[in-house]
Amino acid sequence: MKLIADQKRRVVLPKSVKPGDALELLASGDRIILQILRPPTELTPPVSPHRLNPAPLAKLDLDEPAFTPLSDEGPA
């Protein structure tokens, strides 16, 4: 799309740009590019379609440390 600046060096942006949109100005030599910055899409964690079997978790002791300490010192 070609935009022409007026006497005060203003241009009219296309209707796809809404008030409040953030634009990035990329300039190299005589070429200027305006790029609309979009917020990142929200990432959702993957969900398994299968239910979790609670039987293996019933045998797990969550209070027991997962590794053996290197010394006999307790927590500080």
N, C-alpha and C. Protein backbone atom coordinates (compact mmCIF):
# COMPACT_ATOMS: atom_id res chain seq x y z
N MET A 1 0.84 -1.17 0.00
CA MET A 1 0.00 0.00 0.00
C MET A 1 0.89 1.24 0.00
N LYS A 2 0.51 2.19 -0.77
CA LYS A 2 1.29 3.42 -0.88
C LYS A 2 0.62 4.51 -0.06
N LEU A 3 1.39 5.17 0.81
CA LEU A 3 0.90 6.28 1.63
C LEU A 3 1.66 7.54 1.23
N ILE A 4 0.95 8.66 1.17
CA ILE A 4 1.57 9.93 0.81
C ILE A 4 1.46 10.87 1.99
N ALA A 5 2.56 11.49 2.37
CA ALA A 5 2.57 12.42 3.50
C ALA A 5 2.06 13.79 3.05
N ASP A 6 1.37 14.51 3.98
CA ASP A 6 0.90 15.85 3.66
C ASP A 6 1.99 16.87 4.02
N GLN A 7 1.64 18.16 4.02
CA GLN A 7 2.61 19.22 4.27
C GLN A 7 3.24 19.12 5.67
N LYS A 8 2.49 18.57 6.63
CA LYS A 8 3.01 18.44 8.00
C LYS A 8 3.63 17.06 8.24
N ARG A 9 3.91 16.32 7.17
CA ARG A 9 4.53 14.98 7.22
C ARG A 9 3.66 13.97 7.95
N ARG A 10 2.34 14.08 7.79
CA ARG A 10 1.41 13.13 8.38
C ARG A 10 0.90 12.18 7.30
N VAL A 11 0.59 10.97 7.71
CA VAL A 11 -0.01 9.99 6.79
C VAL A 11 -1.25 9.42 7.46
N VAL A 12 -2.18 8.94 6.64
CA VAL A 12 -3.38 8.28 7.14
C VAL A 12 -3.15 6.78 7.04
N LEU A 13 -3.30 6.09 8.16
CA LEU A 13 -3.07 4.65 8.19
C LEU A 13 -4.32 3.91 7.69
N PRO A 14 -4.17 2.69 7.20
CA PRO A 14 -5.33 1.92 6.73
C PRO A 14 -6.26 1.58 7.89
N LYS A 15 -7.48 1.19 7.54
CA LYS A 15 -8.50 0.91 8.56
C LYS A 15 -8.19 -0.32 9.41
N SER A 16 -7.25 -1.15 8.98
CA SER A 16 -6.89 -2.32 9.78
C SER A 16 -6.16 -1.92 11.06
N VAL A 17 -5.63 -0.71 11.11
CA VAL A 17 -4.96 -0.21 12.31
C VAL A 17 -6.01 0.49 13.17
N LYS A 18 -6.13 0.02 14.43
CA LYS A 18 -7.12 0.58 15.34
C LYS A 18 -6.44 1.52 16.33
N PRO A 19 -7.17 2.47 16.91
CA PRO A 19 -6.58 3.33 17.94
C PRO A 19 -6.07 2.48 19.10
N GLY A 20 -4.87 2.77 19.56
CA GLY A 20 -4.25 2.02 20.64
C GLY A 20 -3.32 0.92 20.18
N ASP A 21 -3.33 0.59 18.88
CA ASP A 21 -2.42 -0.43 18.36
C ASP A 21 -0.98 0.08 18.45
N ALA A 22 -0.07 -0.82 18.78
CA ALA A 22 1.36 -0.48 18.81
C ALA A 22 1.97 -0.84 17.46
N LEU A 23 2.75 0.07 16.93
CA LEU A 23 3.40 -0.13 15.63
C LEU A 23 4.91 -0.07 15.82
N GLU A 24 5.62 -0.93 15.12
CA GLU A 24 7.07 -0.91 15.12
C GLU A 24 7.53 -0.27 13.82
N LEU A 25 8.44 0.66 13.92
CA LEU A 25 8.97 1.36 12.75
C LEU A 25 10.31 0.73 12.38
N LEU A 26 10.36 0.17 11.18
CA LEU A 26 11.59 -0.44 10.66
C LEU A 26 12.07 0.45 9.52
N ALA A 27 13.25 1.03 9.67
CA ALA A 27 13.76 1.94 8.64
C ALA A 27 15.13 1.45 8.18
N SER A 28 15.29 1.43 6.86
CA SER A 28 16.59 1.12 6.28
C SER A 28 16.73 1.94 5.00
N GLY A 29 17.60 2.94 5.07
CA GLY A 29 17.78 3.81 3.91
C GLY A 29 16.54 4.66 3.67
N ASP A 30 16.02 4.63 2.46
CA ASP A 30 14.83 5.41 2.12
C ASP A 30 13.54 4.62 2.32
N ARG A 31 13.63 3.40 2.80
CA ARG A 31 12.45 2.55 2.97
C ARG A 31 12.04 2.54 4.44
N ILE A 32 10.75 2.77 4.69
CA ILE A 32 10.19 2.74 6.04
C ILE A 32 9.06 1.72 6.06
N ILE A 33 9.09 0.83 7.04
CA ILE A 33 8.07 -0.20 7.17
C ILE A 33 7.43 -0.07 8.54
N LEU A 34 6.10 0.00 8.60
CA LEU A 34 5.35 -0.01 9.85
C LEU A 34 4.77 -1.40 10.03
N GLN A 35 5.02 -2.00 11.17
CA GLN A 35 4.52 -3.33 11.45
C GLN A 35 3.70 -3.29 12.72
N ILE A 36 2.47 -3.83 12.68
CA ILE A 36 1.61 -3.85 13.86
C ILE A 36 2.14 -4.91 14.82
N LEU A 37 2.29 -4.52 16.09
CA LEU A 37 2.74 -5.46 17.12
C LEU A 37 1.50 -6.06 17.78
N ARG A 38 1.39 -7.33 17.74
CA ARG A 38 0.27 -8.04 18.35
C ARG A 38 0.74 -8.65 19.67
N PRO A 39 -0.14 -8.68 20.70
CA PRO A 39 0.26 -9.33 21.94
C PRO A 39 0.42 -10.83 21.71
N PRO A 40 1.32 -11.47 22.46
CA PRO A 40 1.52 -12.91 22.26
C PRO A 40 0.26 -13.68 22.65
N THR A 41 0.02 -14.75 21.93
CA THR A 41 -1.14 -15.58 22.24
C THR A 41 -0.89 -16.30 23.56
N GLU A 42 -1.93 -16.48 24.32
CA GLU A 42 -1.80 -17.13 25.63
C GLU A 42 -1.52 -18.62 25.43
N LEU A 43 -0.48 -19.08 26.07
CA LEU A 43 -0.12 -20.49 25.95
C LEU A 43 -0.90 -21.30 26.98
N THR A 44 -1.50 -22.37 26.54
CA THR A 44 -2.21 -23.26 27.45
C THR A 44 -1.43 -24.56 27.52
N PRO A 45 -1.29 -25.11 28.72
CA PRO A 45 -0.54 -26.35 28.83
C PRO A 45 -1.28 -27.49 28.14
N PRO A 46 -0.53 -28.45 27.60
CA PRO A 46 -1.20 -29.58 26.94
C PRO A 46 -1.96 -30.42 27.97
N VAL A 47 -3.11 -30.89 27.58
CA VAL A 47 -3.95 -31.71 28.45
C VAL A 47 -4.11 -33.07 27.80
N SER A 48 -3.89 -34.10 28.60
CA SER A 48 -4.02 -35.45 28.08
C SER A 48 -5.51 -35.82 27.99
N PRO A 49 -5.91 -36.51 26.95
CA PRO A 49 -7.31 -36.93 26.86
C PRO A 49 -7.63 -38.11 27.77
N HIS A 50 -6.59 -38.70 28.39
CA HIS A 50 -6.78 -39.86 29.25
C HIS A 50 -6.71 -39.44 30.71
N ARG A 51 -7.55 -40.05 31.53
CA ARG A 51 -7.53 -39.76 32.96
C ARG A 51 -6.29 -40.35 33.60
N LEU A 52 -5.81 -39.70 34.65
CA LEU A 52 -4.64 -40.16 35.38
C LEU A 52 -5.03 -41.29 36.31
N ASN A 53 -4.24 -42.35 36.32
CA ASN A 53 -4.49 -43.47 37.22
C ASN A 53 -3.91 -43.13 38.58
N PRO A 54 -4.73 -42.98 39.63
CA PRO A 54 -4.21 -42.58 40.94
C PRO A 54 -3.53 -43.71 41.71
N ALA A 55 -3.61 -44.96 41.25
CA ALA A 55 -3.03 -46.08 41.98
C ALA A 55 -1.52 -45.94 42.18
N PRO A 56 -0.71 -45.60 41.16
CA PRO A 56 0.73 -45.46 41.40
C PRO A 56 1.06 -44.28 42.33
N LEU A 57 0.22 -43.28 42.33
CA LEU A 57 0.49 -42.13 43.19
C LEU A 57 0.17 -42.42 44.65
N ALA A 58 -0.70 -43.39 44.93
CA ALA A 58 -1.06 -43.72 46.31
C ALA A 58 0.14 -44.30 47.05
N LYS A 59 1.05 -44.96 46.36
CA LYS A 59 2.23 -45.56 46.98
C LYS A 59 3.36 -44.56 47.17
N LEU A 60 3.24 -43.38 46.60
CA LEU A 60 4.30 -42.39 46.65
C LEU A 60 4.23 -41.60 47.94
N ASP A 61 5.35 -41.52 48.67
CA ASP A 61 5.43 -40.73 49.89
C ASP A 61 6.03 -39.37 49.54
N LEU A 62 5.20 -38.33 49.58
CA LEU A 62 5.66 -37.00 49.19
C LEU A 62 6.53 -36.34 50.26
N ASP A 63 6.51 -36.86 51.50
CA ASP A 63 7.35 -36.31 52.56
C ASP A 63 8.76 -36.85 52.54
N GLU A 64 8.98 -37.95 51.85
CA GLU A 64 10.31 -38.56 51.78
C GLU A 64 11.14 -37.82 50.74
N PRO A 65 12.39 -37.46 51.07
CA PRO A 65 13.21 -36.76 50.08
C PRO A 65 13.51 -37.66 48.87
N ALA A 66 13.66 -37.06 47.75
CA ALA A 66 13.87 -37.81 46.51
C ALA A 66 15.32 -38.25 46.37
N PHE A 67 16.24 -37.71 47.17
CA PHE A 67 17.65 -38.07 47.08
C PHE A 67 18.21 -38.18 48.50
N THR A 68 19.34 -38.85 48.62
CA THR A 68 19.98 -38.96 49.92
C THR A 68 20.89 -37.76 50.13
N PRO A 69 20.86 -37.17 51.30
CA PRO A 69 21.74 -35.99 51.54
C PRO A 69 23.20 -36.40 51.54
N LEU A 70 24.07 -35.47 51.18
CA LEU A 70 25.50 -35.74 51.12
C LEU A 70 26.14 -35.65 52.52
N SER A 71 25.51 -34.97 53.43
CA SER A 71 26.05 -34.87 54.78
C SER A 71 24.91 -35.03 55.77
N ASP A 72 25.28 -35.11 57.06
CA ASP A 72 24.28 -35.30 58.10
C ASP A 72 23.76 -33.98 58.64
N GLU A 73 24.14 -32.87 58.01
CA GLU A 73 23.68 -31.57 58.48
C GLU A 73 22.21 -31.38 58.15
N GLY A 74 21.52 -30.73 59.07
CA GLY A 74 20.12 -30.43 58.86
C GLY A 74 19.97 -29.12 58.14
N PRO A 75 18.74 -28.73 57.94
CA PRO A 75 18.53 -27.44 57.29
C PRO A 75 19.00 -26.29 58.17
N ALA A 76 19.46 -25.23 57.56
CA ALA A 76 20.00 -24.09 58.30
C ALA A 76 18.93 -23.29 58.97
